[in-house]
Amino acid sequence: MVPCFKNKEELIFSCMKYKIKILGHGMTVPKRKIYSHEINPVSVGKQETNSYGVKKRYWAEEETNSSMGAIALQKALTTANLEYEKLNLIIYASATYDYPLPATACLIPQHLNKEHLNIPCLDVNTSCLSFISAMEIASSLIITGNYERIAIISSEIPSKSLNKENP
């Protein structure tokens, strides 16, 4: 039976009871930075942020969700002092993807030259809640004893769908 959590406190208690924890984390951003004054030339010499306080953002050009996810995963494994081969499952949690098929999670091992290990992969797309949904799925799979070490990767590249002439 897979547990269902009514609220955050139940999930936290369950994670403590079953010794579920986050072992590592990693992140990366696209190479290209875009500053607010590049998007809105009117702001040059004035406030260098937009109305939300954003001074810069990143624009993906050659990067993909899976390539950035692979870099972040490698960094997370390093901070966790864990080898890739010890993973039991890879969950990609995002509203954006590289292609409709195959699942983006299946592309991440290719970027690391690890596809020969045949670690199961799946995508979770619940828009803004994808990472939280993936955490709940991973927790449930660990509690049931089916998996021990699950990598959750969340990579968003909304700039791929924006007009470069009117960002």
Foldseek 3Di string as FASTA:
>chain_A
DFDDDPDPVSVVVLCVVLVPDQQFWFFDAAPAKDAQCNQPVVCVVHDRAPPVRGGIHGAHDPDFQLLRQLRGVVRRCVSNVHDPLQFQEEEEFEQDHDDPPDGSQLCNCVSVVNNVSVRYYYYAYPHPCRVVVVVSVVSRCVVVVVGPHYHYTYGDRPNVVDDPVND
